[in-house]
Amino acid sequence: MSFPKTQSQWRTALDALPSTPEKIPAFFFGHGSPMLIAKQVMNSPMGPESDLAKFLRDFGPVLRAKYKPKGIVVFSAHWETIGVRHVTDYGDRNPLLMDYFGFEPYYYQQTFESKGNRALAERVVMLYKEAGEEAKLSGVHQNRGWDGRTSPPRQGSGFDHGVFVPFKLMFGDKVDDVPIVQVSIERSGDPEQNWAVGKALSKLREEGILVLAGGLTVHNLHDRKQFSEKSASPNVTMLDQAITVAASKSQPHERKQSLFDLMKHDGFAQAHPSAEHFVPLYVAAGAGEEGGVQVVSAIYSAPTIAFGI
């Protein structure tokens, strides 16, 4: 089975996405790291001229053109809460949270201008309550939940780098015509619970709302050679390949079970010391549980998959 890995291949796959603004697919995408917006070119799988950076620049305009979203609801590996979904209610200007450490001043001077929307945030909360899930609004004066399982509850509010870094590449430095709301993922790392996080919002896809869930399929900061396909261990590269195969199952029940089984793969623990960067895949798959699926790109550690096409 062959999947798009080069720019010409993923551009063909992007062109092949159905133009269905009446029912927008839900997407899992590789959100990358702050290095994606580095000011100088570097030889890095997460640098500004990496395949991921090039893909994101191609990805965003296609989403705008094909689906003409009325709003965007985004999930990131860097915002986790337990049991209760938090939904941003930031008003006319979404603040940014520089949730990284040890970078040069340039990375803390970044901007991404966008607005929230109270009606959309309240609609998200309502859908969770209808699904029997707890949810609440989170304003600019409320502290965020846990960040990537490695940090205590974050002080302050704002979009984390799992949102504003890829969005800068996808949409530019300013989005003033489409409101953006962020929702927390489930901190337990449980695939079923994160599937439910996405499934509860599946109706949004028929209301003109684009659902995006960002993470990485390989994320091990303690063993950075796993981030590159050239240096990764065989078990990790086999896991990365197994992900796109599992996501491509045509039958929804087979797809769900195959995706859940990935956490038992021999390479999973080596690729993910903790699961927060992987489980956004389940959020997107839950939001697009019924319907077809398309692997839009199979970039190592950062594939993009459309669910519910």
C-alpha atoms as a PDB file:
ATOM      1  CA  MET A   1       0.000   0.000   0.000  1.00  0.00           C
ATOM      2  CA  SER A   2       1.451   3.335  -1.089  1.00  0.00           C
ATOM      3  CA  PHE A   3       0.820   6.648   0.675  1.00  0.00           C
ATOM      4  CA  PRO A   4       1.768  10.226  -0.328  1.00  0.00           C
ATOM      5  CA  LYS A   5       5.149  11.251   1.043  1.00  0.00           C
ATOM      6  CA  THR A   6       6.490  13.761  -1.474  1.00  0.00           C
ATOM      7  CA  GLN A   7       5.145  17.234  -2.241  1.00  0.00           C
ATOM      8  CA  SER A   8       3.853  16.223  -5.650  1.00  0.00           C
ATOM      9  CA  GLN A   9       2.113  13.201  -4.134  1.00  0.00           C
ATOM     10  CA  TRP A  10       0.469  15.064  -1.263  1.00  0.00           C
ATOM     11  CA  ARG A  11      -0.628  17.880  -3.572  1.00  0.00           C
ATOM     12  CA  THR A  12      -2.375  15.247  -5.698  1.00  0.00           C
ATOM     13  CA  ALA A  13      -3.983  13.828  -2.545  1.00  0.00           C
ATOM     14  CA  LEU A  14      -5.096  17.298  -1.430  1.00  0.00           C
ATOM     15  CA  ASP A  15      -6.647  17.901  -4.857  1.00  0.00           C
ATOM     16  CA  ALA A  16      -8.495  14.591  -4.508  1.00  0.00           C
ATOM     17  CA  LEU A  17     -10.165  15.570  -1.229  1.00  0.00           C
ATOM     18  CA  PRO A  18     -13.909  15.939  -1.832  1.00  0.00           C
ATOM     19  CA  SER A  19     -15.160  19.513  -1.830  1.00  0.00           C
ATOM     20  CA  THR A  20     -18.010  19.034   0.633  1.00  0.00           C
ATOM     21  CA  PRO A  21     -18.722  22.170   2.663  1.00  0.00           C
ATOM     22  CA  GLU A  22     -22.057  20.570   3.652  1.00  0.00           C
ATOM     23  CA  LYS A  23     -20.148  17.928   5.643  1.00  0.00           C
ATOM     24  CA  ILE A  24     -16.526  18.791   6.321  1.00  0.00           C
ATOM     25  CA  PRO A  25     -14.093  15.950   7.098  1.00  0.00           C
ATOM     26  CA  ALA A  26     -12.281  15.926  10.441  1.00  0.00           C
ATOM     27  CA  PHE A  27      -8.495  15.968  10.188  1.00  0.00           C
ATOM     28  CA  PHE A  28      -5.613  14.683  12.248  1.00  0.00           C
ATOM     29  CA  PHE A  29      -2.441  16.601  11.338  1.00  0.00           C
ATOM     30  CA  GLY A  30       1.158  16.833  12.500  1.00  0.00           C
ATOM     31  CA  HIS A  31       1.429  20.063  14.477  1.00  0.00           C
ATOM     32  CA  GLY A  32       5.220  19.994  14.722  1.00  0.00           C
ATOM     33  CA  SER A  33       7.380  22.121  17.019  1.00  0.00           C
ATOM     34  CA  PRO A  34       8.306  25.826  17.307  1.00  0.00           C
ATOM     35  CA  MET A  35      11.274  25.054  15.033  1.00  0.00           C
ATOM     36  CA  LEU A  36       8.817  25.078  12.111  1.00  0.00           C
ATOM     37  CA  ILE A  37       8.866  28.873  12.252  1.00  0.00           C
ATOM     38  CA  ALA A  38      12.613  29.281  12.814  1.00  0.00           C
ATOM     39  CA  LYS A  39      14.050  32.418  11.206  1.00  0.00           C
ATOM     40  CA  GLN A  40      16.830  30.528   9.462  1.00  0.00           C
ATOM     41  CA  VAL A  41      16.821  27.380   7.323  1.00  0.00           C
ATOM     42  CA  MET A  42      18.026  24.311   9.167  1.00  0.00           C
ATOM     43  CA  ASN A  43      18.422  20.668   8.352  1.00  0.00           C
ATOM     44  CA  SER A  44      15.743  19.370  10.684  1.00  0.00           C
ATOM     45  CA  PRO A  45      12.604  17.217  10.295  1.00  0.00           C
ATOM     46  CA  MET A  46      10.814  20.071  12.088  1.00  0.00           C
ATOM     47  CA  GLY A  47      12.597  23.030  10.480  1.00  0.00           C
ATOM     48  CA  PRO A  48      11.048  25.766   8.284  1.00  0.00           C
ATOM     49  CA  GLU A  49      11.997  23.950   5.057  1.00  0.00           C
ATOM     50  CA  SER A  50      11.087  20.469   6.289  1.00  0.00           C
ATOM     51  CA  ASP A  51       8.482  18.340   4.558  1.00  0.00           C
ATOM     52  CA  LEU A  52       6.056  19.105   7.371  1.00  0.00           C
ATOM     53  CA  ALA A  53       6.455  22.879   6.993  1.00  0.00           C
ATOM     54  CA  LYS A  54       5.992  22.593   3.231  1.00  0.00           C
ATOM     55  CA  PHE A  55       2.924  20.431   3.688  1.00  0.00           C
ATOM     56  CA  LEU A  56       1.274  22.783   6.160  1.00  0.00           C
ATOM     57  CA  ARG A  57       1.733  25.676   3.718  1.00  0.00           C
ATOM     58  CA  ASP A  58      -0.097  23.589   1.103  1.00  0.00           C
ATOM     59  CA  PHE A  59      -2.705  22.231   3.522  1.00  0.00           C
ATOM     60  CA  GLY A  60      -4.237  25.417   4.893  1.00  0.00           C
ATOM     61  CA  PRO A  61      -5.247  27.065   1.594  1.00  0.00           C
ATOM     62  CA  VAL A  62      -6.888  23.818   0.446  1.00  0.00           C
ATOM     63  CA  LEU A  63      -8.988  23.668   3.621  1.00  0.00           C
ATOM     64  CA  ARG A  64     -10.122  27.257   3.099  1.00  0.00           C
ATOM     65  CA  ALA A  65     -10.943  26.728  -0.589  1.00  0.00           C
ATOM     66  CA  LYS A  66     -12.677  23.347  -0.402  1.00  0.00           C
ATOM     67  CA  TYR A  67     -14.672  23.745   2.810  1.00  0.00           C
ATOM     68  CA  LYS A  68     -15.112  27.494   3.318  1.00  0.00           C
ATOM     69  CA  PRO A  69     -15.402  26.931   7.087  1.00  0.00           C
ATOM     70  CA  LYS A  70     -17.602  29.166   9.199  1.00  0.00           C
ATOM     71  CA  GLY A  71     -15.405  28.345  12.183  1.00  0.00           C
ATOM     72  CA  ILE A  72     -12.548  26.105  13.314  1.00  0.00           C
ATOM     73  CA  VAL A  73     -12.517  23.890  16.406  1.00  0.00           C
ATOM     74  CA  VAL A  74      -8.992  22.705  17.144  1.00  0.00           C
ATOM     75  CA  PHE A  75      -7.463  20.205  19.567  1.00  0.00           C
ATOM     76  CA  SER A  76      -3.784  20.106  20.499  1.00  0.00           C
ATOM     77  CA  ALA A  77      -1.576  17.614  22.287  1.00  0.00           C
ATOM     78  CA  HIS A  78      -0.529  20.504  24.530  1.00  0.00           C
ATOM     79  CA  TRP A  79      -3.792  21.075  26.364  1.00  0.00           C
ATOM     80  CA  GLU A  80      -5.042  18.279  28.595  1.00  0.00           C
ATOM     81  CA  THR A  81      -7.769  18.243  31.226  1.00  0.00           C
ATOM     82  CA  ILE A  82      -9.254  15.423  33.270  1.00  0.00           C
ATOM     83  CA  GLY A  83     -12.901  14.526  32.766  1.00  0.00           C
ATOM     84  CA  VAL A  84     -14.120  18.023  31.882  1.00  0.00           C
ATOM     85  CA  ARG A  85     -13.539  19.514  28.424  1.00  0.00           C
ATOM     86  CA  HIS A  86     -12.433  23.132  28.530  1.00  0.00           C
ATOM     87  CA  VAL A  87     -13.505  25.292  25.594  1.00  0.00           C
ATOM     88  CA  THR A  88     -11.846  28.640  24.889  1.00  0.00           C
ATOM     89  CA  ASP A  89     -14.006  31.739  25.150  1.00  0.00           C
ATOM     90  CA  TYR A  90     -11.418  34.397  24.397  1.00  0.00           C
ATOM     91  CA  GLY A  91     -13.547  37.022  22.662  1.00  0.00           C
ATOM     92  CA  ASP A  92     -12.301  39.229  19.847  1.00  0.00           C
ATOM     93  CA  ARG A  93      -8.623  38.336  20.214  1.00  0.00           C
ATOM     94  CA  ASN A  94      -7.246  34.882  20.963  1.00  0.00           C
ATOM     95  CA  PRO A  95      -4.112  35.257  23.121  1.00  0.00           C
ATOM     96  CA  LEU A  96      -1.049  33.054  22.628  1.00  0.00           C
ATOM     97  CA  LEU A  97       0.692  30.957  25.262  1.00  0.00           C
ATOM     98  CA  MET A  98       4.401  30.413  24.596  1.00  0.00           C
ATOM     99  CA  ASP A  99       4.426  26.967  26.154  1.00  0.00           C
ATOM    100  CA  TYR A 100       8.066  26.131  25.550  1.00  0.00           C
ATOM    101  CA  PHE A 101      11.345  26.691  27.341  1.00  0.00           C
ATOM    102  CA  GLY A 102      14.945  27.570  26.513  1.00  0.00           C
ATOM    103  CA  PHE A 103      14.363  29.119  23.094  1.00  0.00           C
ATOM    104  CA  GLU A 104      15.897  32.390  21.907  1.00  0.00           C
ATOM    105  CA  PRO A 105      13.821  35.604  22.216  1.00  0.00           C
ATOM    106  CA  TYR A 106      12.628  35.370  18.586  1.00  0.00           C
ATOM    107  CA  TYR A 107      10.297  32.502  19.456  1.00  0.00           C
ATOM    108  CA  TYR A 108       8.616  34.502  22.225  1.00  0.00           C
ATOM    109  CA  GLN A 109       7.936  37.442  19.921  1.00  0.00           C
ATOM    110  CA  GLN A 110       5.689  35.492  17.548  1.00  0.00           C
ATOM    111  CA  THR A 111       2.187  36.671  16.721  1.00  0.00           C
ATOM    112  CA  PHE A 112      -0.890  34.996  15.309  1.00  0.00           C
ATOM    113  CA  GLU A 113      -3.995  37.140  15.227  1.00  0.00           C
ATOM    114  CA  SER A 114      -7.397  35.445  15.385  1.00  0.00           C
ATOM    115  CA  LYS A 115     -10.721  35.802  17.143  1.00  0.00           C
ATOM    116  CA  GLY A 116     -12.902  33.524  19.210  1.00  0.00           C
ATOM    117  CA  ASN A 117     -16.685  33.228  19.115  1.00  0.00           C
ATOM    118  CA  ARG A 118     -18.970  32.876  22.139  1.00  0.00           C
ATOM    119  CA  ALA A 119     -21.776  31.213  20.137  1.00  0.00           C
ATOM    120  CA  LEU A 120     -19.433  28.565  18.720  1.00  0.00           C
ATOM    121  CA  ALA A 121     -17.861  27.907  22.127  1.00  0.00           C
ATOM    122  CA  GLU A 122     -21.311  27.529  23.695  1.00  0.00           C
ATOM    123  CA  ARG A 123     -22.369  25.194  20.884  1.00  0.00           C
ATOM    124  CA  VAL A 124     -19.363  22.983  21.638  1.00  0.00           C
ATOM    125  CA  VAL A 125     -20.248  22.902  25.339  1.00  0.00           C
ATOM    126  CA  MET A 126     -23.859  22.042  24.493  1.00  0.00           C
ATOM    127  CA  LEU A 127     -22.839  19.135  22.253  1.00  0.00           C
ATOM    128  CA  TYR A 128     -20.692  17.690  25.009  1.00  0.00           C
ATOM    129  CA  LYS A 129     -23.536  17.930  27.484  1.00  0.00           C
ATOM    130  CA  GLU A 130     -25.902  16.274  24.988  1.00  0.00           C
ATOM    131  CA  ALA A 131     -23.377  13.415  24.733  1.00  0.00           C
ATOM    132  CA  GLY A 132     -23.263  13.068  28.522  1.00  0.00           C
ATOM    133  CA  GLU A 133     -19.831  14.676  28.765  1.00  0.00           C
ATOM    134  CA  GLU A 134     -18.834  17.531  31.057  1.00  0.00           C
ATOM    135  CA  ALA A 135     -17.607  20.752  29.469  1.00  0.00           C
ATOM    136  CA  LYS A 136     -17.210  24.404  30.390  1.00  0.00           C
ATOM    137  CA  LEU A 137     -16.027  27.672  28.908  1.00  0.00           C
ATOM    138  CA  SER A 138     -12.478  28.823  29.644  1.00  0.00           C
ATOM    139  CA  GLY A 139     -11.873  32.566  29.489  1.00  0.00           C
ATOM    140  CA  VAL A 140      -8.792  34.719  29.190  1.00  0.00           C
ATOM    141  CA  HIS A 141      -8.490  35.047  32.964  1.00  0.00           C
ATOM    142  CA  GLN A 142      -8.582  31.313  33.645  1.00  0.00           C
ATOM    143  CA  ASN A 143      -5.494  29.123  33.829  1.00  0.00           C
ATOM    144  CA  ARG A 144      -5.040  26.274  31.403  1.00  0.00           C
ATOM    145  CA  GLY A 145      -4.943  22.585  32.280  1.00  0.00           C
ATOM    146  CA  TRP A 146      -1.979  20.257  31.992  1.00  0.00           C
ATOM    147  CA  ASP A 147       0.470  20.710  29.158  1.00  0.00           C
ATOM    148  CA  GLY A 148       1.677  17.561  27.458  1.00  0.00           C
ATOM    149  CA  ARG A 149       1.780  15.525  30.683  1.00  0.00           C
ATOM    150  CA  THR A 150       5.274  16.839  31.411  1.00  0.00           C
ATOM    151  CA  SER A 151       4.338  20.093  33.099  1.00  0.00           C
ATOM    152  CA  PRO A 152       2.040  21.049  35.972  1.00  0.00           C
ATOM    153  CA  PRO A 153      -1.138  23.003  35.194  1.00  0.00           C
ATOM    154  CA  ARG A 154      -0.127  25.943  33.061  1.00  0.00           C
ATOM    155  CA  GLN A 155      -0.532  29.436  34.439  1.00  0.00           C
ATOM    156  CA  GLY A 156      -2.194  31.817  32.011  1.00  0.00           C
ATOM    157  CA  SER A 157      -4.358  31.291  28.954  1.00  0.00           C
ATOM    158  CA  GLY A 158      -4.019  31.267  25.193  1.00  0.00           C
ATOM    159  CA  PHE A 159      -3.453  29.082  22.169  1.00  0.00           C
ATOM    160  CA  ASP A 160      -0.422  26.820  22.672  1.00  0.00           C
ATOM    161  CA  HIS A 161       2.245  26.195  20.040  1.00  0.00           C
ATOM    162  CA  GLY A 162       0.385  23.100  18.842  1.00  0.00           C
ATOM    163  CA  VAL A 163      -2.138  25.577  17.439  1.00  0.00           C
ATOM    164  CA  PHE A 164      -0.458  28.872  16.578  1.00  0.00           C
ATOM    165  CA  VAL A 165       2.755  27.448  15.068  1.00  0.00           C
ATOM    166  CA  PRO A 166       1.082  25.250  12.411  1.00  0.00           C
ATOM    167  CA  PHE A 167      -1.699  27.793  11.878  1.00  0.00           C
ATOM    168  CA  LYS A 168       0.850  30.495  11.026  1.00  0.00           C
ATOM    169  CA  LEU A 169       2.087  28.251   8.224  1.00  0.00           C
ATOM    170  CA  MET A 170      -1.386  27.127   7.178  1.00  0.00           C
ATOM    171  CA  PHE A 171      -3.256  30.411   7.308  1.00  0.00           C
ATOM    172  CA  GLY A 172      -0.716  33.212   7.664  1.00  0.00           C
ATOM    173  CA  ASP A 173      -0.130  35.587  10.565  1.00  0.00           C
ATOM    174  CA  LYS A 174      -3.742  36.750  10.720  1.00  0.00           C
ATOM    175  CA  VAL A 175      -7.155  35.080  10.391  1.00  0.00           C
ATOM    176  CA  ASP A 176      -9.866  37.699  10.748  1.00  0.00           C
ATOM    177  CA  ASP A 177     -12.786  36.080   8.930  1.00  0.00           C
ATOM    178  CA  VAL A 178     -13.062  32.645  10.583  1.00  0.00           C
ATOM    179  CA  PRO A 179     -13.366  32.292  14.383  1.00  0.00           C
ATOM    180  CA  ILE A 180     -11.183  29.702  16.100  1.00  0.00           C
ATOM    181  CA  VAL A 181     -11.987  27.856  19.314  1.00  0.00           C
ATOM    182  CA  GLN A 182      -9.684  25.376  21.069  1.00  0.00           C
ATOM    183  CA  VAL A 183     -10.866  22.401  23.129  1.00  0.00           C
ATOM    184  CA  SER A 184      -8.817  20.335  25.573  1.00  0.00           C
ATOM    185  CA  ILE A 185      -8.120  16.626  25.072  1.00  0.00           C
ATOM    186  CA  GLU A 186      -8.514  13.948  27.753  1.00  0.00           C
ATOM    187  CA  ARG A 187      -5.418  13.708  29.928  1.00  0.00           C
ATOM    188  CA  SER A 188      -5.883  10.027  30.789  1.00  0.00           C
ATOM    189  CA  GLY A 189      -4.465   9.061  27.383  1.00  0.00           C
ATOM    190  CA  ASP A 190      -7.279   6.539  27.062  1.00  0.00           C
ATOM    191  CA  PRO A 191      -8.141   5.986  23.373  1.00  0.00           C
ATOM    192  CA  GLU A 192     -11.841   5.370  24.029  1.00  0.00           C
ATOM    193  CA  GLN A 193     -12.232   8.552  26.048  1.00  0.00           C
ATOM    194  CA  ASN A 194     -10.441  10.646  23.439  1.00  0.00           C
ATOM    195  CA  TRP A 195     -12.511   9.026  20.687  1.00  0.00           C
ATOM    196  CA  ALA A 196     -15.593  10.213  22.598  1.00  0.00           C
ATOM    197  CA  VAL A 197     -14.090  13.712  22.835  1.00  0.00           C
ATOM    198  CA  GLY A 198     -14.176  13.912  19.047  1.00  0.00           C
ATOM    199  CA  LYS A 199     -17.382  11.955  18.426  1.00  0.00           C
ATOM    200  CA  ALA A 200     -19.439  14.341  20.555  1.00  0.00           C
ATOM    201  CA  LEU A 201     -18.645  17.123  18.088  1.00  0.00           C
ATOM    202  CA  SER A 202     -19.359  15.233  14.865  1.00  0.00           C
ATOM    203  CA  LYS A 203     -22.481  17.344  14.230  1.00  0.00           C
ATOM    204  CA  LEU A 204     -20.292  20.415  13.821  1.00  0.00           C
ATOM    205  CA  ARG A 205     -19.065  19.001  10.527  1.00  0.00           C
ATOM    206  CA  GLU A 206     -22.580  19.489   9.120  1.00  0.00           C
ATOM    207  CA  GLU A 207     -22.723  23.027  10.493  1.00  0.00           C
ATOM    208  CA  GLY A 208     -19.814  24.399   8.503  1.00  0.00           C
ATOM    209  CA  ILE A 209     -17.219  23.896  11.252  1.00  0.00           C
ATOM    210  CA  LEU A 210     -13.775  22.483  10.503  1.00  0.00           C
ATOM    211  CA  VAL A 211     -12.525  20.085  13.193  1.00  0.00           C
ATOM    212  CA  LEU A 212      -8.732  19.744  13.419  1.00  0.00           C
ATOM    213  CA  ALA A 213      -6.724  17.635  15.898  1.00  0.00           C
ATOM    214  CA  GLY A 214      -2.961  18.155  16.053  1.00  0.00           C
ATOM    215  CA  GLY A 215      -0.304  15.846  17.424  1.00  0.00           C
ATOM    216  CA  LEU A 216       2.551  13.623  16.268  1.00  0.00           C
ATOM    217  CA  THR A 217       2.715   9.890  15.643  1.00  0.00           C
ATOM    218  CA  VAL A 218       6.279   9.789  16.988  1.00  0.00           C
ATOM    219  CA  HIS A 219       7.201  11.984  19.948  1.00  0.00           C
ATOM    220  CA  ASN A 220      10.074  11.082  22.245  1.00  0.00           C
ATOM    221  CA  LEU A 221      12.043  14.032  23.624  1.00  0.00           C
ATOM    222  CA  HIS A 222      14.274  11.628  25.562  1.00  0.00           C
ATOM    223  CA  ASP A 223      15.412   9.840  22.403  1.00  0.00           C
ATOM    224  CA  ARG A 224      15.449  12.420  19.615  1.00  0.00           C
ATOM    225  CA  LYS A 225      16.816  10.075  16.977  1.00  0.00           C
ATOM    226  CA  GLN A 226      13.295   8.642  16.806  1.00  0.00           C
ATOM    227  CA  PHE A 227      12.096  11.898  15.205  1.00  0.00           C
ATOM    228  CA  SER A 228      13.972  11.131  11.986  1.00  0.00           C
ATOM    229  CA  GLU A 229      13.040   8.203   9.779  1.00  0.00           C
ATOM    230  CA  LYS A 230      16.708   7.764   8.904  1.00  0.00           C
ATOM    231  CA  SER A 231      17.796   7.218  12.516  1.00  0.00           C
ATOM    232  CA  ALA A 232      14.668   5.786  14.154  1.00  0.00           C
ATOM    233  CA  SER A 233      14.637   2.221  15.408  1.00  0.00           C
ATOM    234  CA  PRO A 234      12.956  -0.416  13.209  1.00  0.00           C
ATOM    235  CA  ASN A 235      10.076  -0.874  15.669  1.00  0.00           C
ATOM    236  CA  VAL A 236       9.284   2.847  15.576  1.00  0.00           C
ATOM    237  CA  THR A 237       9.378   3.065  11.783  1.00  0.00           C
ATOM    238  CA  MET A 238       7.128   0.017  11.609  1.00  0.00           C
ATOM    239  CA  LEU A 239       4.700   1.711  14.025  1.00  0.00           C
ATOM    240  CA  ASP A 240       4.669   4.824  11.861  1.00  0.00           C
ATOM    241  CA  GLN A 241       3.816   2.710   8.814  1.00  0.00           C
ATOM    242  CA  ALA A 242       1.175   0.746  10.735  1.00  0.00           C
ATOM    243  CA  ILE A 243      -0.657   3.951  11.668  1.00  0.00           C
ATOM    244  CA  THR A 244      -1.541   4.909   8.106  1.00  0.00           C
ATOM    245  CA  VAL A 245      -2.524   1.318   7.313  1.00  0.00           C
ATOM    246  CA  ALA A 246      -4.807   1.129  10.355  1.00  0.00           C
ATOM    247  CA  ALA A 247      -6.384   4.505   9.626  1.00  0.00           C
ATOM    248  CA  SER A 248      -7.125   3.433   6.060  1.00  0.00           C
ATOM    249  CA  LYS A 249      -9.386   0.510   6.983  1.00  0.00           C
ATOM    250  CA  SER A 250     -12.597   0.905   5.012  1.00  0.00           C
ATOM    251  CA  GLN A 251     -14.972  -0.466   7.646  1.00  0.00           C
ATOM    252  CA  PRO A 252     -15.467   1.911  10.605  1.00  0.00           C
ATOM    253  CA  HIS A 253     -15.495  -0.830  13.272  1.00  0.00           C
ATOM    254  CA  GLU A 254     -12.332  -2.428  11.852  1.00  0.00           C
ATOM    255  CA  ARG A 255     -10.664   0.980  11.629  1.00  0.00           C
ATOM    256  CA  LYS A 256     -11.477   1.794  15.243  1.00  0.00           C
ATOM    257  CA  GLN A 257     -10.126  -1.503  16.562  1.00  0.00           C
ATOM    258  CA  SER A 258      -6.994  -1.271  14.421  1.00  0.00           C
ATOM    259  CA  LEU A 259      -6.322   2.252  15.664  1.00  0.00           C
ATOM    260  CA  PHE A 260      -6.817   1.195  19.280  1.00  0.00           C
ATOM    261  CA  ASP A 261      -4.451  -1.759  18.780  1.00  0.00           C
ATOM    262  CA  LEU A 262      -1.651   0.638  17.801  1.00  0.00           C
ATOM    263  CA  MET A 263      -1.038   1.452  21.465  1.00  0.00           C
ATOM    264  CA  LYS A 264      -0.042  -2.213  21.919  1.00  0.00           C
ATOM    265  CA  HIS A 265       2.443  -2.105  19.031  1.00  0.00           C
ATOM    266  CA  ASP A 266       6.027  -3.114  19.841  1.00  0.00           C
ATOM    267  CA  GLY A 267       7.259   0.352  18.895  1.00  0.00           C
ATOM    268  CA  PHE A 268       4.683   2.421  20.738  1.00  0.00           C
ATOM    269  CA  ALA A 269       6.462   2.823  24.095  1.00  0.00           C
ATOM    270  CA  GLN A 270       9.671   3.823  22.318  1.00  0.00           C
ATOM    271  CA  ALA A 271       7.840   6.340  20.152  1.00  0.00           C
ATOM    272  CA  HIS A 272       5.686   7.720  22.969  1.00  0.00           C
ATOM    273  CA  PRO A 273       6.908   7.792  26.581  1.00  0.00           C
ATOM    274  CA  SER A 274       3.485   9.383  27.200  1.00  0.00           C
ATOM    275  CA  ALA A 275       0.488   9.281  24.903  1.00  0.00           C
ATOM    276  CA  GLU A 276      -0.623  12.924  24.669  1.00  0.00           C
ATOM    277  CA  HIS A 277       0.819  13.512  21.187  1.00  0.00           C
ATOM    278  CA  PHE A 278      -0.787  10.350  19.840  1.00  0.00           C
ATOM    279  CA  VAL A 279      -4.336  10.522  21.177  1.00  0.00           C
ATOM    280  CA  PRO A 280      -5.408  13.525  19.043  1.00  0.00           C
ATOM    281  CA  LEU A 281      -5.534  10.906  16.273  1.00  0.00           C
ATOM    282  CA  TYR A 282      -8.447   9.324  18.169  1.00  0.00           C
ATOM    283  CA  VAL A 283     -10.157  12.684  18.581  1.00  0.00           C
ATOM    284  CA  ALA A 284     -10.166  13.266  14.814  1.00  0.00           C
ATOM    285  CA  ALA A 285     -11.163   9.673  14.080  1.00  0.00           C
ATOM    286  CA  GLY A 286     -14.029   9.927  16.558  1.00  0.00           C
ATOM    287  CA  ALA A 287     -15.281  13.146  14.974  1.00  0.00           C
ATOM    288  CA  GLY A 288     -15.283  11.427  11.555  1.00  0.00           C
ATOM    289  CA  GLU A 289     -16.130   7.914  12.706  1.00  0.00           C
ATOM    290  CA  GLU A 290     -18.703   7.222  10.002  1.00  0.00           C
ATOM    291  CA  GLY A 291     -17.757   7.541   6.361  1.00  0.00           C
ATOM    292  CA  GLY A 292     -14.593   7.147   4.381  1.00  0.00           C
ATOM    293  CA  VAL A 293     -11.004   8.027   5.178  1.00  0.00           C
ATOM    294  CA  GLN A 294      -8.085   9.377   3.176  1.00  0.00           C
ATOM    295  CA  VAL A 295      -4.420   9.591   4.071  1.00  0.00           C
ATOM    296  CA  VAL A 296      -3.564  13.042   2.731  1.00  0.00           C
ATOM    297  CA  SER A 297       0.121  12.804   3.574  1.00  0.00           C
ATOM    298  CA  ALA A 298       2.290  10.139   5.142  1.00  0.00           C
ATOM    299  CA  ILE A 299       5.154  12.327   6.304  1.00  0.00           C
ATOM    300  CA  TYR A 300       7.133  10.411   8.918  1.00  0.00           C
ATOM    301  CA  SER A 301       5.928  11.181  12.474  1.00  0.00           C
ATOM    302  CA  ALA A 302       3.478  13.794  11.137  1.00  0.00           C
ATOM    303  CA  PRO A 303       0.902  12.285   8.773  1.00  0.00           C
ATOM    304  CA  THR A 304      -2.344  14.032   7.912  1.00  0.00           C
ATOM    305  CA  ILE A 305      -5.491  11.922   7.737  1.00  0.00           C
ATOM    306  CA  ALA A 306      -9.020  12.947   6.771  1.00  0.00           C
ATOM    307  CA  PHE A 307     -11.835  11.107   8.537  1.00  0.00           C
ATOM    308  CA  GLY A 308     -15.505  11.111   7.511  1.00  0.00           C
ATOM    309  CA  ILE A 309     -15.082  12.003   3.844  1.00  0.00           C
END
